Amino acid sequence: MTPQEEERFKRARKSRNLVLGLVLLGFAMLFYAITIVRVGE
């Protein structure tokens, strides 16, 4: 594998991890909001 290919794979992996982290954060915030609404009733 050439250094250019390796760098491209690292960039793709980093962006994938960032998107996955944002999705997980969104789910955590959604569950938190649902919990607050249900407890508030």
Protein backbone atom coordinates (compact mmCIF):
# COMPACT_ATOMS: atom_id res chain seq x y z
CA MET A 1 0.00 0.00 0.00
CA THR A 2 1.39 3.37 -0.95
CA PRO A 3 1.60 6.21 1.56
CA GLN A 4 -1.06 8.10 -0.40
CA GLU A 5 -3.50 5.19 -0.17
CA GLU A 6 -2.80 4.79 3.53
CA GLU A 7 -3.44 8.49 4.13
CA ARG A 8 -6.71 8.29 2.19
CA PHE A 9 -7.87 5.31 4.29
CA LYS A 10 -6.99 7.13 7.51
CA ARG A 11 -8.96 10.20 6.41
CA ALA A 12 -11.98 8.08 5.47
CA ARG A 13 -11.84 6.22 8.79
CA LYS A 14 -11.57 9.47 10.73
CA SER A 15 -14.59 10.99 8.98
CA ARG A 16 -16.60 7.79 9.51
CA ASN A 17 -15.74 7.79 13.21
CA LEU A 18 -16.75 11.44 13.50
CA VAL A 19 -20.14 10.80 11.88
CA LEU A 20 -20.72 7.75 14.09
CA GLY A 21 -19.85 9.77 17.20
CA LEU A 22 -22.30 12.51 16.21
CA VAL A 23 -25.05 9.95 15.60
CA LEU A 24 -24.45 8.37 19.00
CA LEU A 25 -24.50 11.79 20.65
CA GLY A 26 -27.79 12.55 18.89
CA PHE A 27 -29.34 9.32 20.19
CA ALA A 28 -28.13 10.06 23.72
CA MET A 29 -29.67 13.55 23.57
CA LEU A 30 -32.92 12.12 22.17
CA PHE A 31 -33.23 9.56 24.99
CA TYR A 32 -32.39 12.26 27.54
CA ALA A 33 -35.10 14.54 26.16
CA ILE A 34 -37.67 11.73 26.10
CA THR A 35 -36.82 10.86 29.71
CA ILE A 36 -37.18 14.47 30.84
CA VAL A 37 -40.57 14.80 29.11
CA ARG A 38 -41.87 11.52 30.57
CA VAL A 39 -40.70 12.29 34.11
CA GLY A 40 -42.13 15.80 33.89
CA GLU A 41 -45.66 14.54 33.30
